[in-house]
C-alpha atoms as a PDB file:
ATOM      1  CA  MET A   1       9.736  37.018 -71.745  1.00  0.00           C
ATOM      2  CA  ARG A   2      13.544  36.790 -71.193  1.00  0.00           C
ATOM      3  CA  ILE A   3      14.608  35.855 -67.665  1.00  0.00           C
ATOM      4  CA  SER A   4      17.546  38.196 -66.609  1.00  0.00           C
ATOM      5  CA  ASP A   5      20.853  36.752 -65.626  1.00  0.00           C
ATOM      6  CA  SER A   6      20.653  38.609 -62.287  1.00  0.00           C
ATOM      7  CA  TRP A   7      17.343  36.776 -61.377  1.00  0.00           C
ATOM      8  CA  GLN A   8      18.718  33.341 -62.522  1.00  0.00           C
ATOM      9  CA  HIS A   9      21.790  33.981 -60.445  1.00  0.00           C
ATOM     10  CA  LYS A  10      19.777  34.839 -57.270  1.00  0.00           C
ATOM     11  CA  PHE A  11      17.541  31.833 -57.881  1.00  0.00           C
ATOM     12  CA  LEU A  12      20.465  29.384 -58.265  1.00  0.00           C
ATOM     13  CA  GLN A  13      22.246  30.969 -55.316  1.00  0.00           C
ATOM     14  CA  ARG A  14      19.222  30.312 -53.047  1.00  0.00           C
ATOM     15  CA  GLN A  15      19.128  26.710 -54.374  1.00  0.00           C
ATOM     16  CA  VAL A  16      22.865  26.370 -53.510  1.00  0.00           C
ATOM     17  CA  GLU A  17      22.159  27.673 -49.933  1.00  0.00           C
ATOM     18  CA  GLN A  18      19.120  25.375 -49.374  1.00  0.00           C
ATOM     19  CA  VAL A  19      20.958  22.264 -50.616  1.00  0.00           C
ATOM     20  CA  GLY A  20      23.962  23.223 -48.543  1.00  0.00           C
ATOM     21  CA  ASP A  21      21.806  23.559 -45.484  1.00  0.00           C
ATOM     22  CA  ARG A  22      20.081  20.249 -46.170  1.00  0.00           C
ATOM     23  CA  MET A  23      23.560  18.596 -46.632  1.00  0.00           C
ATOM     24  CA  ALA A  24      24.675  20.142 -43.405  1.00  0.00           C
ATOM     25  CA  GLU A  25      21.591  18.758 -41.557  1.00  0.00           C
ATOM     26  CA  ILE A  26      22.039  15.247 -43.031  1.00  0.00           C
ATOM     27  CA  THR A  27      25.631  15.297 -42.006  1.00  0.00           C
ATOM     28  CA  MET A  28      24.676  16.237 -38.476  1.00  0.00           C
ATOM     29  CA  GLN A  29      22.067  13.511 -38.449  1.00  0.00           C
ATOM     30  CA  LEU A  30      24.524  10.935 -39.594  1.00  0.00           C
ATOM     31  CA  SER A  31      27.177  12.007 -37.206  1.00  0.00           C
ATOM     32  CA  SER A  32      24.738  12.143 -34.130  1.00  0.00           C
ATOM     33  CA  GLY A  33      22.654   9.125 -35.161  1.00  0.00           C
ATOM     34  CA  ARG A  34      19.502  11.201 -34.558  1.00  0.00           C
ATOM     35  CA  LYS A  35      16.870  12.256 -37.143  1.00  0.00           C
ATOM     36  CA  VAL A  36      15.353  15.026 -34.992  1.00  0.00           C
ATOM     37  CA  LEU A  37      18.044  17.517 -34.037  1.00  0.00           C
ATOM     38  CA  ARG A  38      15.830  20.279 -32.542  1.00  0.00           C
ATOM     39  CA  PRO A  39      12.300  20.391 -31.313  1.00  0.00           C
ATOM     40  CA  GLY A  40      10.970  22.637 -34.148  1.00  0.00           C
ATOM     41  CA  GLN A  41      12.123  20.308 -36.805  1.00  0.00           C
ATOM     42  CA  ASP A  42       9.359  17.762 -36.130  1.00  0.00           C
ATOM     43  CA  PRO A  43       7.085  18.587 -33.231  1.00  0.00           C
ATOM     44  CA  ALA A  44       5.023  15.353 -33.396  1.00  0.00           C
ATOM     45  CA  ALA A  45       8.218  13.310 -33.471  1.00  0.00           C
ATOM     46  CA  THR A  46       9.728  15.406 -30.601  1.00  0.00           C
ATOM     47  CA  GLU A  47       6.569  14.789 -28.486  1.00  0.00           C
ATOM     48  CA  ARG A  48       6.787  11.065 -29.208  1.00  0.00           C
ATOM     49  CA  ILE A  49      10.567  11.015 -28.359  1.00  0.00           C
ATOM     50  CA  LEU A  50       9.932  12.783 -24.861  1.00  0.00           C
ATOM     51  CA  PHE A  51       7.063  10.312 -24.144  1.00  0.00           C
ATOM     52  CA  LEU A  52       9.221   7.381 -24.910  1.00  0.00           C
ATOM     53  CA  ARG A  53      12.337   8.686 -23.087  1.00  0.00           C
ATOM     54  CA  THR A  54      10.164   9.401 -19.900  1.00  0.00           C
ATOM     55  CA  GLY A  55       8.671   5.812 -20.070  1.00  0.00           C
ATOM     56  CA  MET A  56      12.211   4.311 -20.454  1.00  0.00           C
ATOM     57  CA  ALA A  57      13.510   6.364 -17.509  1.00  0.00           C
ATOM     58  CA  GLU A  58      10.695   5.262 -15.384  1.00  0.00           C
ATOM     59  CA  ALA A  59      11.247   1.602 -16.300  1.00  0.00           C
ATOM     60  CA  GLN A  60      14.863   1.861 -15.586  1.00  0.00           C
ATOM     61  CA  THR A  61      14.268   3.406 -12.240  1.00  0.00           C
ATOM     62  CA  GLN A  62      11.802   0.689 -11.357  1.00  0.00           C
ATOM     63  CA  ARG A  63      14.421  -1.949 -12.510  1.00  0.00           C
ATOM     64  CA  GLU A  64      17.023  -0.401 -10.258  1.00  0.00           C
ATOM     65  CA  ALA A  65      14.647  -0.540  -7.268  1.00  0.00           C
ATOM     66  CA  LEU A  66      13.805  -4.172  -7.990  1.00  0.00           C
ATOM     67  CA  GLU A  67      17.484  -5.026  -8.303  1.00  0.00           C
ATOM     68  CA  GLY A  68      18.044  -3.629  -4.872  1.00  0.00           C
ATOM     69  CA  ALA A  69      15.063  -5.521  -3.551  1.00  0.00           C
ATOM     70  CA  ALA A  70      16.318  -8.737  -5.065  1.00  0.00           C
ATOM     71  CA  GLY A  71      19.756  -8.210  -3.402  1.00  0.00           C
ATOM     72  CA  GLU A  72      18.077  -7.656  -0.078  1.00  0.00           C
ATOM     73  CA  LEU A  73      15.905 -10.773  -0.554  1.00  0.00           C
ATOM     74  CA  ARG A  74      19.063 -12.831  -1.225  1.00  0.00           C
ATOM     75  CA  ALA A  75      20.549 -11.447   2.004  1.00  0.00           C
ATOM     76  CA  THR A  76      17.398 -12.202   3.976  1.00  0.00           C
ATOM     77  CA  ASP A  77      17.314 -15.777   2.547  1.00  0.00           C
ATOM     78  CA  ALA A  78      20.974 -16.268   3.611  1.00  0.00           C
ATOM     79  CA  ALA A  79      20.291 -14.981   7.113  1.00  0.00           C
ATOM     80  CA  LEU A  80      17.227 -17.143   7.433  1.00  0.00           C
ATOM     81  CA  GLY A  81      19.329 -20.138   6.432  1.00  0.00           C
ATOM     82  CA  VAL A  82      21.730 -19.375   9.258  1.00  0.00           C
ATOM     83  CA  VAL A  83      18.863 -18.956  11.748  1.00  0.00           C
ATOM     84  CA  HIS A  84      17.554 -22.376  10.636  1.00  0.00           C
ATOM     85  CA  ASP A  85      20.930 -23.956  11.054  1.00  0.00           C
ATOM     86  CA  LEU A  86      21.397 -22.486  14.588  1.00  0.00           C
ATOM     87  CA  LEU A  87      17.984 -23.702  15.670  1.00  0.00           C
ATOM     88  CA  HIS A  88      18.646 -27.092  14.208  1.00  0.00           C
ATOM     89  CA  GLN A  89      21.885 -27.226  16.270  1.00  0.00           C
ATOM     90  CA  ALA A  90      19.857 -26.220  19.362  1.00  0.00           C
ATOM     91  CA  ARG A  91      17.428 -29.032  18.477  1.00  0.00           C
ATOM     92  CA  ASP A  92      20.229 -31.483  18.381  1.00  0.00           C
ATOM     93  CA  ILE A  93      21.466 -30.295  21.788  1.00  0.00           C
ATOM     94  CA  CYS A  94      17.947 -30.901  23.163  1.00  0.00           C
ATOM     95  CA  VAL A  95      18.090 -34.482  21.926  1.00  0.00           C
ATOM     96  CA  GLU A  96      21.592 -34.919  23.294  1.00  0.00           C
ATOM     97  CA  GLY A  97      20.827 -33.258  26.554  1.00  0.00           C
ATOM     98  CA  GLY A  98      17.923 -35.547  27.200  1.00  0.00           C
ATOM     99  CA  ASN A  99      20.098 -38.552  27.132  1.00  0.00           C
ATOM    100  CA  SER A 100      20.333 -39.949  30.682  1.00  0.00           C
ATOM    101  CA  ALA A 101      23.737 -41.373  30.093  1.00  0.00           C
ATOM    102  CA  LEU A 102      25.299 -37.913  29.560  1.00  0.00           C
ATOM    103  CA  PRO A 103      27.302 -36.885  32.568  1.00  0.00           C
ATOM    104  CA  GLU A 104      26.775 -33.554  34.376  1.00  0.00           C
ATOM    105  CA  ALA A 105      29.922 -32.097  32.906  1.00  0.00           C
ATOM    106  CA  GLY A 106      28.589 -32.897  29.366  1.00  0.00           C
ATOM    107  CA  LEU A 107      25.370 -31.006  30.179  1.00  0.00           C
ATOM    108  CA  ALA A 108      27.420 -27.925  31.276  1.00  0.00           C
ATOM    109  CA  ALA A 109      29.321 -28.074  28.023  1.00  0.00           C
ATOM    110  CA  LEU A 110      26.052 -28.265  26.078  1.00  0.00           C
ATOM    111  CA  ALA A 111      24.781 -25.187  28.042  1.00  0.00           C
ATOM    112  CA  GLU A 112      27.908 -23.265  27.001  1.00  0.00           C
ATOM    113  CA  ALA A 113      27.258 -24.300  23.357  1.00  0.00           C
ATOM    114  CA  VAL A 114      23.724 -23.065  23.533  1.00  0.00           C
ATOM    115  CA  GLU A 115      25.018 -19.617  24.930  1.00  0.00           C
ATOM    116  CA  ALA A 116      27.320 -19.502  21.915  1.00  0.00           C
ATOM    117  CA  LEU A 117      24.378 -20.132  19.594  1.00  0.00           C
ATOM    118  CA  ARG A 118      22.326 -17.343  21.246  1.00  0.00           C
ATOM    119  CA  GLN A 119      25.182 -14.842  20.739  1.00  0.00           C
ATOM    120  CA  ARG A 120      25.550 -15.970  17.130  1.00  0.00           C
ATOM    121  CA  MET A 121      21.790 -15.557  16.720  1.00  0.00           C
ATOM    122  CA  ILE A 122      21.968 -11.979  17.891  1.00  0.00           C
ATOM    123  CA  ASP A 123      24.596 -11.333  15.307  1.00  0.00           C
ATOM    124  CA  VAL A 124      22.426 -12.697  12.551  1.00  0.00           C
ATOM    125  CA  ALA A 125      19.370 -10.865  13.940  1.00  0.00           C
ATOM    126  CA  ASN A 126      21.339  -7.579  13.351  1.00  0.00           C
ATOM    127  CA  GLU A 127      22.404  -8.573   9.836  1.00  0.00           C
ATOM    128  CA  ARG A 128      22.864  -5.703   7.396  1.00  0.00           C
ATOM    129  CA  PHE A 129      22.640  -5.348   3.613  1.00  0.00           C
ATOM    130  CA  ALA A 130      23.798  -2.272   1.700  1.00  0.00           C
ATOM    131  CA  GLY A 131      24.145  -0.485   5.126  1.00  0.00           C
ATOM    132  CA  LEU A 132      20.636  -1.217   6.237  1.00  0.00           C
ATOM    133  CA  TYR A 133      19.539  -3.628   9.056  1.00  0.00           C
ATOM    134  CA  VAL A 134      17.576  -6.427   7.351  1.00  0.00           C
ATOM    135  CA  PHE A 135      15.371  -7.471  10.419  1.00  0.00           C
ATOM    136  CA  GLY A 136      14.394  -4.053  11.742  1.00  0.00           C
ATOM    137  CA  GLY A 137      11.040  -3.620   9.730  1.00  0.00           C
ATOM    138  CA  THR A 138      11.297   0.012   8.519  1.00  0.00           C
ATOM    139  CA  GLU A 139      13.731   0.947  11.262  1.00  0.00           C
ATOM    140  CA  THR A 140      16.844   0.212   9.182  1.00  0.00           C
ATOM    141  CA  GLN A 141      19.466   2.689  10.405  1.00  0.00           C
ATOM    142  CA  SER A 142      20.226   1.173  13.874  1.00  0.00           C
ATOM    143  CA  PRO A 143      20.565  -2.355  15.288  1.00  0.00           C
ATOM    144  CA  PRO A 144      17.123  -3.815  15.937  1.00  0.00           C
ATOM    145  CA  PHE A 145      18.243  -6.229  18.593  1.00  0.00           C
ATOM    146  CA  ALA A 146      20.049  -5.484  21.853  1.00  0.00           C
ATOM    147  CA  GLU A 147      20.744  -7.530  24.999  1.00  0.00           C
ATOM    148  CA  THR A 148      19.055  -6.557  28.131  1.00  0.00           C
ATOM    149  CA  ALA A 149      19.630  -7.196  31.769  1.00  0.00           C
ATOM    150  CA  GLY A 150      16.139  -7.100  33.163  1.00  0.00           C
ATOM    151  CA  PRO A 151      13.602  -9.884  33.591  1.00  0.00           C
ATOM    152  CA  GLY A 152      11.937 -11.628  30.695  1.00  0.00           C
ATOM    153  CA  SER A 153      13.637 -12.079  27.323  1.00  0.00           C
ATOM    154  CA  PRO A 154      17.439 -11.458  27.371  1.00  0.00           C
ATOM    155  CA  VAL A 155      17.086  -9.592  24.109  1.00  0.00           C
ATOM    156  CA  ALA A 156      14.871  -6.541  23.226  1.00  0.00           C
ATOM    157  CA  TYR A 157      13.591  -5.726  19.890  1.00  0.00           C
ATOM    158  CA  LEU A 158      13.967  -2.087  18.847  1.00  0.00           C
ATOM    159  CA  GLY A 159      12.663  -2.288  15.443  1.00  0.00           C
ATOM    160  CA  ASN A 160       9.001  -2.412  14.292  1.00  0.00           C
ATOM    161  CA  GLY A 161       6.686  -4.821  12.476  1.00  0.00           C
ATOM    162  CA  ASP A 162       6.280  -2.837   9.293  1.00  0.00           C
ATOM    163  CA  SER A 163       7.076  -4.093   5.853  1.00  0.00           C
ATOM    164  CA  ARG A 164       8.959  -2.318   3.087  1.00  0.00           C
ATOM    165  CA  GLU A 165       7.445  -2.847  -0.367  1.00  0.00           C
ATOM    166  CA  VAL A 166       8.341  -2.509  -3.969  1.00  0.00           C
ATOM    167  CA  PRO A 167       5.906  -2.464  -6.991  1.00  0.00           C
ATOM    168  CA  VAL A 168       6.045  -5.778  -8.985  1.00  0.00           C
ATOM    169  CA  ALA A 169       3.097  -5.189 -11.261  1.00  0.00           C
ATOM    170  CA  PRO A 170       0.565  -2.444 -11.932  1.00  0.00           C
ATOM    171  CA  GLY A 171      -1.430  -2.032  -8.714  1.00  0.00           C
ATOM    172  CA  ARG A 172       0.544  -4.861  -6.963  1.00  0.00           C
ATOM    173  CA  THR A 173       3.437  -4.714  -4.399  1.00  0.00           C
ATOM    174  CA  ALA A 174       5.539  -7.184  -2.644  1.00  0.00           C
ATOM    175  CA  ALA A 175       7.124  -6.984   0.882  1.00  0.00           C
ATOM    176  CA  ILE A 176      10.767  -7.462   0.624  1.00  0.00           C
ATOM    177  CA  ASN A 177      11.602  -7.758   4.280  1.00  0.00           C
ATOM    178  CA  VAL A 178      10.840 -10.012   7.194  1.00  0.00           C
ATOM    179  CA  PRO A 179      10.331  -7.907  10.392  1.00  0.00           C
ATOM    180  CA  GLY A 180      12.464  -9.257  13.169  1.00  0.00           C
ATOM    181  CA  ASP A 181       9.627  -9.354  15.667  1.00  0.00           C
ATOM    182  CA  ARG A 182       7.810 -11.891  13.422  1.00  0.00           C
ATOM    183  CA  LEU A 183      10.858 -13.983  12.649  1.00  0.00           C
ATOM    184  CA  PHE A 184      12.107 -14.354  16.192  1.00  0.00           C
ATOM    185  CA  ASN A 185       8.678 -14.153  17.802  1.00  0.00           C
ATOM    186  CA  MET A 186       9.387 -11.046  19.797  1.00  0.00           C
ATOM    187  CA  GLY A 187       6.508 -10.293  22.135  1.00  0.00           C
ATOM    188  CA  GLY A 188       4.621 -13.268  20.632  1.00  0.00           C
ATOM    189  CA  ALA A 189       4.316 -11.541  17.205  1.00  0.00           C
ATOM    190  CA  ALA A 190       4.290 -14.916  15.344  1.00  0.00           C
ATOM    191  CA  ASP A 191       2.493 -16.967  18.158  1.00  0.00           C
ATOM    192  CA  PRO A 192       1.950 -15.759  21.683  1.00  0.00           C
ATOM    193  CA  SER A 193       2.115 -19.345  23.011  1.00  0.00           C
ATOM    194  CA  TRP A 194       5.796 -19.593  22.025  1.00  0.00           C
ATOM    195  CA  PRO A 195       8.726 -17.853  23.718  1.00  0.00           C
ATOM    196  CA  ASP A 196      11.002 -15.692  21.529  1.00  0.00           C
ATOM    197  CA  VAL A 197      14.033 -17.425  20.017  1.00  0.00           C
ATOM    198  CA  PHE A 198      16.429 -15.795  22.467  1.00  0.00           C
ATOM    199  CA  GLU A 199      14.314 -16.677  25.488  1.00  0.00           C
ATOM    200  CA  ALA A 200      13.951 -20.234  24.239  1.00  0.00           C
ATOM    201  CA  LEU A 201      17.716 -20.547  23.952  1.00  0.00           C
ATOM    202  CA  SER A 202      18.375 -18.999  27.367  1.00  0.00           C
ATOM    203  CA  ASN A 203      15.715 -21.361  28.879  1.00  0.00           C
ATOM    204  CA  LEU A 204      17.445 -24.263  27.193  1.00  0.00           C
ATOM    205  CA  ALA A 205      20.811 -23.269  28.664  1.00  0.00           C
ATOM    206  CA  GLN A 206      19.393 -22.875  32.128  1.00  0.00           C
ATOM    207  CA  ASP A 207      17.773 -26.269  32.009  1.00  0.00           C
ATOM    208  CA  LEU A 208      20.987 -27.892  30.939  1.00  0.00           C
ATOM    209  CA  ARG A 209      22.898 -26.177  33.861  1.00  0.00           C
ATOM    210  CA  ASN A 210      20.187 -27.361  36.174  1.00  0.00           C
ATOM    211  CA  GLY A 211      20.351 -30.875  34.886  1.00  0.00           C
ATOM    212  CA  ASP A 212      16.743 -30.996  34.163  1.00  0.00           C
ATOM    213  CA  ARG A 213      16.927 -33.482  31.285  1.00  0.00           C
ATOM    214  CA  GLU A 214      13.021 -33.909  31.158  1.00  0.00           C
ATOM    215  CA  ALA A 215      12.468 -30.274  30.418  1.00  0.00           C
ATOM    216  CA  VAL A 216      15.248 -30.218  27.813  1.00  0.00           C
ATOM    217  CA  SER A 217      13.852 -33.255  25.898  1.00  0.00           C
ATOM    218  CA  THR A 218      10.177 -32.250  26.074  1.00  0.00           C
ATOM    219  CA  THR A 219       9.341 -28.632  26.699  1.00  0.00           C
ATOM    220  CA  ARG A 220      12.402 -27.011  25.207  1.00  0.00           C
ATOM    221  CA  LEU A 221      12.589 -29.507  22.325  1.00  0.00           C
ATOM    222  CA  LYS A 222       8.853 -28.663  21.475  1.00  0.00           C
ATOM    223  CA  GLU A 223       9.641 -24.823  21.598  1.00  0.00           C
ATOM    224  CA  ILE A 224      12.724 -25.225  19.428  1.00  0.00           C
ATOM    225  CA  ASP A 225      10.705 -27.285  16.859  1.00  0.00           C
ATOM    226  CA  GLU A 226       7.971 -24.689  16.659  1.00  0.00           C
ATOM    227  CA  LEU A 227      10.452 -21.903  16.088  1.00  0.00           C
ATOM    228  CA  LEU A 228      12.373 -23.990  13.513  1.00  0.00           C
ATOM    229  CA  ASN A 229       9.267 -24.736  11.523  1.00  0.00           C
ATOM    230  CA  HIS A 230       8.325 -21.144  11.666  1.00  0.00           C
ATOM    231  CA  ALA A 231      11.780 -20.075  10.274  1.00  0.00           C
ATOM    232  CA  LEU A 232      11.381 -22.591   7.413  1.00  0.00           C
ATOM    233  CA  GLU A 233       7.985 -21.135   6.548  1.00  0.00           C
ATOM    234  CA  LEU A 234       9.372 -17.659   6.455  1.00  0.00           C
ATOM    235  CA  ARG A 235      12.226 -18.772   4.334  1.00  0.00           C
ATOM    236  CA  GLY A 236       9.752 -20.316   1.787  1.00  0.00           C
ATOM    237  CA  GLU A 237       7.735 -16.985   1.817  1.00  0.00           C
ATOM    238  CA  THR A 238      11.001 -15.094   1.155  1.00  0.00           C
ATOM    239  CA  GLY A 239      11.762 -17.480  -1.745  1.00  0.00           C
ATOM    240  CA  ALA A 240       8.359 -16.958  -3.306  1.00  0.00           C
ATOM    241  CA  THR A 241       8.650 -13.175  -3.023  1.00  0.00           C
ATOM    242  CA  ALA A 242      12.181 -13.380  -4.593  1.00  0.00           C
ATOM    243  CA  GLN A 243      10.662 -15.241  -7.635  1.00  0.00           C
ATOM    244  CA  ARG A 244       8.016 -12.481  -8.022  1.00  0.00           C
ATOM    245  CA  VAL A 245      10.767  -9.817  -7.890  1.00  0.00           C
ATOM    246  CA  GLU A 246      12.841 -11.586 -10.492  1.00  0.00           C
ATOM    247  CA  ALA A 247       9.695 -11.849 -12.722  1.00  0.00           C
ATOM    248  CA  ALA A 248       9.186  -8.121 -12.344  1.00  0.00           C
ATOM    249  CA  ILE A 249      12.863  -7.444 -13.195  1.00  0.00           C
ATOM    250  CA  SER A 250      12.356  -9.448 -16.360  1.00  0.00           C
ATOM    251  CA  SER A 251       9.267  -7.549 -17.221  1.00  0.00           C
ATOM    252  CA  ALA A 252      11.075  -4.216 -16.590  1.00  0.00           C
ATOM    253  CA  ASP A 253      13.884  -5.437 -18.901  1.00  0.00           C
ATOM    254  CA  ASP A 254      11.344  -6.245 -21.649  1.00  0.00           C
ATOM    255  CA  ALA A 255       9.743  -2.800 -21.175  1.00  0.00           C
ATOM    256  CA  VAL A 256      13.067  -0.979 -21.517  1.00  0.00           C
ATOM    257  CA  PHE A 257      13.965  -3.001 -24.525  1.00  0.00           C
ATOM    258  CA  HIS A 258      10.693  -2.349 -26.374  1.00  0.00           C
ATOM    259  CA  LEU A 259      10.717   1.406 -25.407  1.00  0.00           C
ATOM    260  CA  ARG A 260      14.379   1.617 -26.704  1.00  0.00           C
ATOM    261  CA  GLU A 261      13.277   0.008 -29.988  1.00  0.00           C
ATOM    262  CA  ALA A 262      10.317   2.424 -30.405  1.00  0.00           C
ATOM    263  CA  LEU A 263      12.611   5.337 -29.543  1.00  0.00           C
ATOM    264  CA  SER A 264      15.055   4.168 -32.156  1.00  0.00           C
ATOM    265  CA  ASP A 265      12.406   3.924 -34.763  1.00  0.00           C
ATOM    266  CA  VAL A 266      11.346   7.517 -34.125  1.00  0.00           C
ATOM    267  CA  GLU A 267      14.726   9.046 -33.325  1.00  0.00           C
ATOM    268  CA  ALA A 268      17.622   7.069 -34.993  1.00  0.00           C
ATOM    269  CA  THR A 269      18.911   8.014 -38.483  1.00  0.00           C
ATOM    270  CA  ASP A 270      18.741   5.251 -41.164  1.00  0.00           C
ATOM    271  CA  LEU A 271      22.395   5.239 -42.319  1.00  0.00           C
ATOM    272  CA  THR A 272      21.713   3.820 -45.791  1.00  0.00           C
ATOM    273  CA  GLU A 273      18.888   6.271 -46.533  1.00  0.00           C
ATOM    274  CA  GLY A 274      20.937   9.170 -45.062  1.00  0.00           C
ATOM    275  CA  ILE A 275      24.030   8.457 -47.038  1.00  0.00           C
ATOM    276  CA  THR A 276      21.951   8.007 -50.242  1.00  0.00           C
ATOM    277  CA  GLU A 277      20.177  11.365 -49.748  1.00  0.00           C
ATOM    278  CA  LEU A 278      23.486  13.101 -48.934  1.00  0.00           C
ATOM    279  CA  LYS A 279      25.028  11.787 -52.190  1.00  0.00           C
ATOM    280  CA  ALA A 280      22.031  13.032 -54.218  1.00  0.00           C
ATOM    281  CA  HIS A 281      22.213  16.450 -52.636  1.00  0.00           C
ATOM    282  CA  GLU A 282      26.019  16.568 -53.359  1.00  0.00           C
ATOM    283  CA  VAL A 283      25.251  15.931 -57.060  1.00  0.00           C
ATOM    284  CA  ALA A 284      22.457  18.677 -56.964  1.00  0.00           C
ATOM    285  CA  TYR A 285      24.923  21.012 -55.070  1.00  0.00           C
ATOM    286  CA  GLN A 286      27.718  20.632 -57.525  1.00  0.00           C
ATOM    287  CA  ALA A 287      25.186  21.113 -60.451  1.00  0.00           C
ATOM    288  CA  ALA A 288      23.857  24.327 -58.844  1.00  0.00           C
ATOM    289  CA  LEU A 289      27.358  25.595 -58.374  1.00  0.00           C
ATOM    290  CA  SER A 290      28.255  24.981 -62.004  1.00  0.00           C
ATOM    291  CA  SER A 291      25.169  26.765 -63.083  1.00  0.00           C
ATOM    292  CA  VAL A 292      25.972  29.737 -60.923  1.00  0.00           C
ATOM    293  CA  ALA A 293      29.592  29.744 -62.282  1.00  0.00           C
ATOM    294  CA  ALA A 294      28.225  29.531 -65.884  1.00  0.00           C
ATOM    295  CA  ILE A 295      25.931  32.579 -65.384  1.00  0.00           C
ATOM    296  CA  ALA A 296      28.832  34.544 -63.763  1.00  0.00           C
ATOM    297  CA  ASN A 297      31.076  33.772 -66.742  1.00  0.00           C
ATOM    298  CA  ARG A 298      28.456  34.477 -69.409  1.00  0.00           C
ATOM    299  CA  PRO A 299      29.403  37.656 -71.383  1.00  0.00           C
ATOM    300  CA  ASN A 300      27.039  40.618 -70.909  1.00  0.00           C
ATOM    301  CA  LEU A 301      26.197  43.725 -73.097  1.00  0.00           C
ATOM    302  CA  PHE A 302      29.120  45.668 -71.881  1.00  0.00           C
ATOM    303  CA  ASP A 303      31.513  42.850 -72.753  1.00  0.00           C
ATOM    304  CA  LEU A 304      30.095  42.730 -76.300  1.00  0.00           C
ATOM    305  CA  LEU A 305      30.367  46.485 -76.666  1.00  0.00           C
ATOM    306  CA  ARG A 306      34.172  46.285 -75.827  1.00  0.00           C
ATOM    307  CA  LEU A 307      34.719  44.028 -78.627  1.00  0.00           C
END
């Protein structure tokens, strides 16, 4: 049975359109770098891509939170270092103030130095990072420490003893802050047998003014030593937490890297493969066009009758 020219023409024309559509799709894949251009093109791949993108977004969000936590821990460590240095200076003053050879004027000068240390300690206690007060517990929007005029400690704590935590592993979190009541022993939060840091410094300054060298070199020195060791312990805890957070950041980086690789395997176009396929389709496209043109130029019955 003879196949009509009309049928051949329609068949070849459909081939030209199909090859042209595929060439356009390959060109779009190459230009965008993505194999899957629309959900209906490959539903299974689309589902996998959405799953991987969601996982990568979650990992990146976690990493950003961990980076913020790492920054706050660095700020906390620096502030703890200042607290340690100020308490160490107070300890040196206790030793110097207990020296019987020091004149009364020298004791008065040391008392003024202690008051300066106390004011500096208040500034450190109200340290901020990224607009948040570091030592306020979860009360981070306002200064957690304020001077008072009443009896007792010369400084009041307005924060709380709560911790702020970030996830560092599945089912595990790490506290990224040191509540100020614990650090400065406000209300005996660290040890009820000690005064708070500000009260200890005020008592030291008062004993120096009163010339009570024995109290300075014994009671006050012991209090300062206790508070100094406590600050060192908290700085060690902060350093250990910082290491855990850095390890979690590294894990998040690894997760993002592997998810991105998996996403690339599913989504990204293979340039070599794409270009090769495009060239093959170009050859087929040109061949189909030539066949269409040959059929269109083939003489029909009416052309023969005119001869």
